[in-house]
C-alpha atoms as a PDB file:
ATOM      1  CA  MET A   1      81.048  87.320 113.464  1.00  0.00           C
ATOM      2  CA  LYS A   2      78.183  89.184 111.472  1.00  0.00           C
ATOM      3  CA  THR A   3      76.199  86.441 110.707  1.00  0.00           C
ATOM      4  CA  LEU A   4      73.671  87.078 107.080  1.00  0.00           C
ATOM      5  CA  ILE A   5      70.465  85.203 107.202  1.00  0.00           C
ATOM      6  CA  ALA A   6      70.410  83.394 103.376  1.00  0.00           C
ATOM      7  CA  THR A   7      67.397  81.434 101.679  1.00  0.00           C
ATOM      8  CA  LYS A   8      68.571  79.239  98.741  1.00  0.00           C
ATOM      9  CA  ARG A   9      67.078  80.009  95.309  1.00  0.00           C
ATOM     10  CA  SER A  10      66.482  78.186  92.446  1.00  0.00           C
ATOM     11  CA  LYS A  11      68.586  78.105  88.967  1.00  0.00           C
ATOM     12  CA  THR A  12      65.412  79.577  87.459  1.00  0.00           C
ATOM     13  CA  ASP A  13      64.320  82.022  89.274  1.00  0.00           C
ATOM     14  CA  LYS A  14      64.657  85.540  87.245  1.00  0.00           C
ATOM     15  CA  LEU A  15      66.875  88.077  88.921  1.00  0.00           C
ATOM     16  CA  SER A  16      65.314  90.591  88.745  1.00  0.00           C
ATOM     17  CA  ASP A  17      62.279  89.195  90.644  1.00  0.00           C
ATOM     18  CA  VAL A  18      65.298  88.720  93.022  1.00  0.00           C
ATOM     19  CA  ARG A  19      66.102  91.984  93.405  1.00  0.00           C
ATOM     20  CA  ALA A  20      63.325  93.361  93.681  1.00  0.00           C
ATOM     21  CA  LYS A  21      62.523  91.956  96.605  1.00  0.00           C
ATOM     22  CA  GLY A  22      65.169  93.643  98.059  1.00  0.00           C
ATOM     23  CA  MET A  23      67.244  91.160  97.726  1.00  0.00           C
ATOM     24  CA  ILE A  24      70.593  89.599  96.424  1.00  0.00           C
ATOM     25  CA  PRO A  25      71.017  87.097  94.158  1.00  0.00           C
ATOM     26  CA  ALA A  26      74.441  85.690  95.283  1.00  0.00           C
ATOM     27  CA  VAL A  27      76.789  81.573  94.787  1.00  0.00           C
ATOM     28  CA  VAL A  28      77.972  80.684  97.764  1.00  0.00           C
ATOM     29  CA  TYR A  29      80.955  78.114  96.629  1.00  0.00           C
ATOM     30  CA  GLY A  30      84.395  76.746  98.079  1.00  0.00           C
ATOM     31  CA  ALA A  31      86.115  74.134 101.158  1.00  0.00           C
ATOM     32  CA  SER A  32      83.220  72.005 101.954  1.00  0.00           C
ATOM     33  CA  VAL A  33      80.090  73.434 100.493  1.00  0.00           C
ATOM     34  CA  GLU A  34      78.624  72.556  97.213  1.00  0.00           C
ATOM     35  CA  ASN A  35      77.747  75.591  94.552  1.00  0.00           C
ATOM     36  CA  THR A  36      74.324  76.517  96.103  1.00  0.00           C
ATOM     37  CA  PRO A  37      72.531  79.606  94.432  1.00  0.00           C
ATOM     38  CA  ILE A  38      71.102  82.230  97.694  1.00  0.00           C
ATOM     39  CA  SER A  39      70.064  85.666  97.900  1.00  0.00           C
ATOM     40  CA  VAL A  40      70.355  87.268 101.420  1.00  0.00           C
ATOM     41  CA  SER A  41      69.108  90.811 102.574  1.00  0.00           C
ATOM     42  CA  SER A  42      70.424  94.429 100.763  1.00  0.00           C
ATOM     43  CA  ILE A  43      70.310  95.971 102.630  1.00  0.00           C
ATOM     44  CA  ASP A  44      72.202  93.865 105.330  1.00  0.00           C
ATOM     45  CA  PHE A  45      74.605  92.652 102.921  1.00  0.00           C
ATOM     46  CA  ILE A  46      75.661  96.186 101.990  1.00  0.00           C
ATOM     47  CA  LYS A  47      76.544  97.075 105.597  1.00  0.00           C
ATOM     48  CA  ALA A  48      78.267  93.254 105.995  1.00  0.00           C
ATOM     49  CA  PHE A  49      79.977  94.324 103.444  1.00  0.00           C
ATOM     50  CA  LYS A  50      81.328  97.536 104.828  1.00  0.00           C
ATOM     51  CA  ASP A  51      81.966  96.226 108.176  1.00  0.00           C
ATOM     52  CA  ALA A  52      83.999  92.820 106.723  1.00  0.00           C
ATOM     53  CA  GLY A  53      84.509  94.385 102.756  1.00  0.00           C
ATOM     54  CA  GLU A  54      86.275  91.824 100.980  1.00  0.00           C
ATOM     55  CA  SER A  55      89.049  89.622 103.682  1.00  0.00           C
ATOM     56  CA  SER A  56      86.900  89.433 107.052  1.00  0.00           C
ATOM     57  CA  THR A  57      85.522  87.431 107.981  1.00  0.00           C
ATOM     58  CA  LEU A  58      81.497  86.552 108.107  1.00  0.00           C
ATOM     59  CA  VAL A  59      78.699  83.912 109.035  1.00  0.00           C
ATOM     60  CA  VAL A  60      76.019  82.858 105.874  1.00  0.00           C
ATOM     61  CA  ASP A  61      73.242  81.269 106.974  1.00  0.00           C
ATOM     62  CA  ILE A  62      71.898  79.410 104.683  1.00  0.00           C
ATOM     63  CA  GLU A  63      68.359  77.825 105.979  1.00  0.00           C
ATOM     64  CA  GLY A  64      69.917  77.119 109.383  1.00  0.00           C
ATOM     65  CA  LYS A  65      73.404  75.440 107.493  1.00  0.00           C
ATOM     66  CA  LYS A  66      76.390  78.144 108.664  1.00  0.00           C
ATOM     67  CA  VAL A  67      78.870  78.605 106.509  1.00  0.00           C
ATOM     68  CA  ASP A  68      81.819  80.580 107.358  1.00  0.00           C
ATOM     69  CA  VAL A  69      82.646  82.745 103.827  1.00  0.00           C
ATOM     70  CA  LEU A  70      85.129  85.650 102.495  1.00  0.00           C
ATOM     71  CA  ILE A  71      83.149  88.184 100.074  1.00  0.00           C
ATOM     72  CA  HIS A  72      84.392  87.225  97.169  1.00  0.00           C
ATOM     73  CA  ASP A  73      83.613  89.231  94.858  1.00  0.00           C
ATOM     74  CA  VAL A  74      80.953  92.211  93.932  1.00  0.00           C
ATOM     75  CA  GLN A  75      79.165  92.857  91.510  1.00  0.00           C
ATOM     76  CA  PHE A  76      77.785  96.793  91.020  1.00  0.00           C
ATOM     77  CA  ASP A  77      74.922  98.718  89.237  1.00  0.00           C
ATOM     78  CA  PRO A  78      77.592 101.136  86.573  1.00  0.00           C
ATOM     79  CA  VAL A  79      75.319 103.991  87.475  1.00  0.00           C
ATOM     80  CA  LYS A  80      73.729 103.404  90.663  1.00  0.00           C
ATOM     81  CA  SER A  81      76.538 102.253  92.070  1.00  0.00           C
ATOM     82  CA  HIS A  82      74.444  99.533  94.826  1.00  0.00           C
ATOM     83  CA  PRO A  83      75.514  96.043  94.088  1.00  0.00           C
ATOM     84  CA  LEU A  84      74.123  93.295  91.868  1.00  0.00           C
ATOM     85  CA  HIS A  85      75.689  89.932  93.037  1.00  0.00           C
ATOM     86  CA  ALA A  86      77.863  88.752  95.662  1.00  0.00           C
ATOM     87  CA  ASP A  87      79.980  85.652  95.789  1.00  0.00           C
ATOM     88  CA  PHE A  88      80.992  84.092  98.857  1.00  0.00           C
ATOM     89  CA  LEU A  89      83.545  82.208  99.280  1.00  0.00           C
ATOM     90  CA  ALA A  90      83.567  79.631 101.777  1.00  0.00           C
ATOM     91  CA  VAL A  91      86.631  78.965 104.179  1.00  0.00           C
ATOM     92  CA  ASP A  92      88.698  76.877 106.752  1.00  0.00           C
ATOM     93  CA  MET A  93      88.539  78.647 109.549  1.00  0.00           C
ATOM     94  CA  ASN A  94      91.592  75.563 110.786  1.00  0.00           C
ATOM     95  CA  LYS A  95      93.898  76.821 107.431  1.00  0.00           C
ATOM     96  CA  PRO A  96      95.833  79.763 106.878  1.00  0.00           C
ATOM     97  CA  ILE A  97      94.690  81.346 103.267  1.00  0.00           C
ATOM     98  CA  GLU A  98      96.100  84.236 101.418  1.00  0.00           C
ATOM     99  CA  VAL A  99      94.147  87.743 100.628  1.00  0.00           C
ATOM    100  CA  SER A 100      94.978  90.707  99.147  1.00  0.00           C
ATOM    101  CA  ILE A 101      94.838  93.570 101.667  1.00  0.00           C
ATOM    102  CA  GLU A 102      93.603  97.741 101.796  1.00  0.00           C
ATOM    103  CA  LEU A 103      96.361 100.118 103.435  1.00  0.00           C
ATOM    104  CA  GLU A 104      95.136 102.488 105.541  1.00  0.00           C
ATOM    105  CA  PHE A 105      97.337 105.479 105.155  1.00  0.00           C
ATOM    106  CA  THR A 106      97.547 107.286 108.948  1.00  0.00           C
ATOM    107  CA  GLY A 107     100.048 110.174 110.388  1.00  0.00           C
ATOM    108  CA  VAL A 108     100.916 113.556 108.731  1.00  0.00           C
ATOM    109  CA  SER A 109     104.452 113.576 106.652  1.00  0.00           C
ATOM    110  CA  GLN A 110     106.451 116.054 107.549  1.00  0.00           C
ATOM    111  CA  ALA A 111     107.892 116.174 104.444  1.00  0.00           C
ATOM    112  CA  GLU A 112     104.826 116.913 102.881  1.00  0.00           C
ATOM    113  CA  LYS A 113     103.140 119.211 106.017  1.00  0.00           C
ATOM    114  CA  SER A 114     106.921 121.555 105.437  1.00  0.00           C
ATOM    115  CA  GLY A 115     106.429 121.770 101.512  1.00  0.00           C
ATOM    116  CA  LEU A 116     109.190 119.953 100.934  1.00  0.00           C
ATOM    117  CA  GLY A 117     106.909 117.935  98.301  1.00  0.00           C
ATOM    118  CA  SER A 118     103.791 116.028  98.150  1.00  0.00           C
ATOM    119  CA  LEU A 119     102.604 112.515  99.515  1.00  0.00           C
ATOM    120  CA  MET A 120     102.987 109.842  96.307  1.00  0.00           C
ATOM    121  CA  LYS A 121     101.304 106.015  97.245  1.00  0.00           C
ATOM    122  CA  VAL A 122     102.737 104.265  95.309  1.00  0.00           C
ATOM    123  CA  LEU A 123     100.841 100.304  96.594  1.00  0.00           C
ATOM    124  CA  HIS A 124      97.497 100.765  97.741  1.00  0.00           C
ATOM    125  CA  GLU A 125      97.240  97.345  98.780  1.00  0.00           C
ATOM    126  CA  VAL A 126      99.461  94.020  99.778  1.00  0.00           C
ATOM    127  CA  GLU A 127      99.285  90.815 100.089  1.00  0.00           C
ATOM    128  CA  ILE A 128      99.160  88.383 103.124  1.00  0.00           C
ATOM    129  CA  LYS A 129      98.173  84.922 104.376  1.00  0.00           C
ATOM    130  CA  GLY A 130      97.253  83.550 107.002  1.00  0.00           C
ATOM    131  CA  LEU A 131      94.082  81.828 109.362  1.00  0.00           C
ATOM    132  CA  PRO A 132      90.650  83.583 108.299  1.00  0.00           C
ATOM    133  CA  LYS A 133      89.661  84.970 111.658  1.00  0.00           C
ATOM    134  CA  ASP A 134      93.289  86.905 111.771  1.00  0.00           C
ATOM    135  CA  LEU A 135      92.811  88.205 108.454  1.00  0.00           C
ATOM    136  CA  PRO A 136      91.976  92.247 108.991  1.00  0.00           C
ATOM    137  CA  HIS A 137      89.834  94.401 106.792  1.00  0.00           C
ATOM    138  CA  THR A 138      92.614  96.821 106.103  1.00  0.00           C
ATOM    139  CA  ILE A 139      95.926  97.773 107.790  1.00  0.00           C
ATOM    140  CA  ALA A 140      97.025 100.775 109.332  1.00  0.00           C
ATOM    141  CA  VAL A 141     100.388 102.218 107.481  1.00  0.00           C
ATOM    142  CA  ASP A 142     101.977 105.654 109.818  1.00  0.00           C
ATOM    143  CA  ILE A 143     103.388 107.781 106.352  1.00  0.00           C
ATOM    144  CA  SER A 144     104.714 110.480 109.599  1.00  0.00           C
ATOM    145  CA  PRO A 145     108.723 108.748 109.296  1.00  0.00           C
ATOM    146  CA  LEU A 146     108.488 110.484 105.954  1.00  0.00           C
ATOM    147  CA  ALA A 147     110.908 113.476 107.331  1.00  0.00           C
ATOM    148  CA  THR A 148     112.700 113.964 104.133  1.00  0.00           C
ATOM    149  CA  LEU A 149     112.964 113.530 101.037  1.00  0.00           C
ATOM    150  CA  ALA A 150     115.607 110.420 101.500  1.00  0.00           C
ATOM    151  CA  ASP A 151     113.253 108.574 103.374  1.00  0.00           C
ATOM    152  CA  GLN A 152     110.699 105.907 102.346  1.00  0.00           C
ATOM    153  CA  ILE A 153     108.162 103.161 103.705  1.00  0.00           C
ATOM    154  CA  HIS A 154     108.890  99.653 102.474  1.00  0.00           C
ATOM    155  CA  ALA A 155     107.153  96.996 102.167  1.00  0.00           C
ATOM    156  CA  LYS A 156     108.568  95.715 105.446  1.00  0.00           C
ATOM    157  CA  ASP A 157     108.326  98.435 107.417  1.00  0.00           C
ATOM    158  CA  ILE A 158     104.381  98.146 107.974  1.00  0.00           C
ATOM    159  CA  VAL A 159     103.303  96.475 111.187  1.00  0.00           C
ATOM    160  CA  LEU A 160     102.300  93.419 110.670  1.00  0.00           C
ATOM    161  CA  PRO A 161      98.755  91.516 113.609  1.00  0.00           C
ATOM    162  CA  ALA A 162      99.880  88.793 114.774  1.00  0.00           C
ATOM    163  CA  GLY A 163      99.451  85.475 112.711  1.00  0.00           C
ATOM    164  CA  ILE A 164      99.711  87.241 109.788  1.00  0.00           C
ATOM    165  CA  THR A 165     102.117  87.165 107.200  1.00  0.00           C
ATOM    166  CA  LEU A 166     103.161  89.358 104.668  1.00  0.00           C
ATOM    167  CA  LEU A 167     102.841  87.350 101.084  1.00  0.00           C
ATOM    168  CA  THR A 168     104.193  90.886  98.999  1.00  0.00           C
ATOM    169  CA  ASP A 169     108.090  91.717  98.363  1.00  0.00           C
ATOM    170  CA  GLY A 170     109.514  93.698 101.756  1.00  0.00           C
ATOM    171  CA  MET A 171     110.979  96.280  99.646  1.00  0.00           C
ATOM    172  CA  GLU A 172     108.219  97.077  97.557  1.00  0.00           C
ATOM    173  CA  VAL A 173     107.863 100.316  97.482  1.00  0.00           C
ATOM    174  CA  VAL A 174     104.925 101.919  99.887  1.00  0.00           C
ATOM    175  CA  ALA A 175     104.902 105.959  99.757  1.00  0.00           C
ATOM    176  CA  LEU A 176     107.612 107.802  99.844  1.00  0.00           C
ATOM    177  CA  VAL A 177     107.497 111.759  99.077  1.00  0.00           C
ATOM    178  CA  ALA A 178     108.155 112.840  96.109  1.00  0.00           C
ATOM    179  CA  PRO A 179     109.714 116.469  95.122  1.00  0.00           C
ATOM    180  CA  ALA A 180     107.648 119.215  94.985  1.00  0.00           C
ATOM    181  CA  LYS A 181     108.080 120.798  91.290  1.00  0.00           C
ATOM    182  CA  ALA A 182     107.659 124.048  89.706  1.00  0.00           C
ATOM    183  CA  GLU A 183     104.626 123.811  87.397  1.00  0.00           C
ATOM    184  CA  LYS A 184     104.677 125.419  84.251  1.00  0.00           C
ATOM    185  CA  GLU A 185     102.650 126.428  81.221  1.00  0.00           C
ATOM    186  CA  GLU A 186     104.922 125.064  77.602  1.00  0.00           C
ATOM    187  CA  GLU A 187     104.084 128.254  75.502  1.00  0.00           C
ATOM    188  CA  ALA A 188     102.776 126.720  72.105  1.00  0.00           C
ATOM    189  CA  ALA A 189     105.285 127.708  69.146  1.00  0.00           C
ATOM    190  CA  PRO A 190     104.066 130.829  67.367  1.00  0.00           C
ATOM    191  CA  VAL A 191     102.338 129.150  63.098  1.00  0.00           C
ATOM    192  CA  ASP A 192     104.160 130.925  60.699  1.00  0.00           C
ATOM    193  CA  LEU A 193     101.437 131.913  58.269  1.00  0.00           C
ATOM    194  CA  SER A 194     103.484 133.239  55.065  1.00  0.00           C
ATOM    195  CA  ALA A 195     105.124 130.034  55.177  1.00  0.00           C
ATOM    196  CA  ILE A 196     101.514 128.068  55.120  1.00  0.00           C
ATOM    197  CA  GLU A 197     100.499 130.749  52.061  1.00  0.00           C
ATOM    198  CA  VAL A 198     104.189 129.879  49.861  1.00  0.00           C
ATOM    199  CA  GLU A 199     103.523 126.196  50.428  1.00  0.00           C
ATOM    200  CA  LYS A 200     100.461 126.454  49.186  1.00  0.00           C
ATOM    201  CA  LYS A 201     101.611 128.830  46.326  1.00  0.00           C
ATOM    202  CA  GLY A 202     104.787 127.001  45.346  1.00  0.00           C
ATOM    203  CA  LYS A 203     102.008 123.212  45.175  1.00  0.00           C
ATOM    204  CA  LYS A 204      99.681 125.487  43.250  1.00  0.00           C
ATOM    205  CA  GLU A 205     102.097 126.425  40.579  1.00  0.00           C
ATOM    206  CA  GLU A 206     103.938 122.898  40.310  1.00  0.00           C
ATOM    207  CA  GLU A 207      99.867 121.268  40.050  1.00  0.00           C
ATOM    208  CA  GLY A 208     100.135 124.040  36.844  1.00  0.00           C
ATOM    209  CA  ALA A 209     103.097 123.889  35.509  1.00  0.00           C
ATOM    210  CA  GLY A 210     102.105 119.466  34.836  1.00  0.00           C
ATOM    211  CA  GLU A 211      98.615 120.524  33.757  1.00  0.00           C
ATOM    212  CA  GLU A 212     100.737 122.246  31.027  1.00  0.00           C
ATOM    213  CA  ALA A 213     103.065 120.516  30.145  1.00  0.00           C
ATOM    214  CA  LYS A 214     100.235 117.372  29.213  1.00  0.00           C
END
């Protein structure tokens, strides 16, 4: 299991100063852990987040105290897209937890390959429950069974790792192939300029008649 080395930081520390040192300000909270402000190496965090995502557990070593955590939330710079802050949720490895897991679509849809239509990914993640150690990073969904337009893949069809329970409604549609449609450009109706001129002329005559009546 990946381990991140962390150091405690004061709540009065300027976050800009922490980031200037190549660190990411973060906080740890959750099972049997007090809300603790920390900082971790930016490089190490990016690697850990790539491997674990928000569903696989890792260890945060806070000056010798090791805590099992999930990366619960990450704030990113809107321009440069690098992480600015992270929340680590401490978990009890002996108690099941509920998380959202991203779906990874694999294989080739024969219906799409033969030109019957286009693949539609209806769900991109599902809710599952399991012990932290059993939680996968992603869940694979094989789309090769989609051979006709009538075929659909439902949540109940997803093959889950051992020890994992699906919480999402099993009848939720995960993927299907939508029929191909010929795209037609709608032609705009021609504008009748003469009608507009007549309308304007009529309004002017009405305004003129109104002035004469005064």
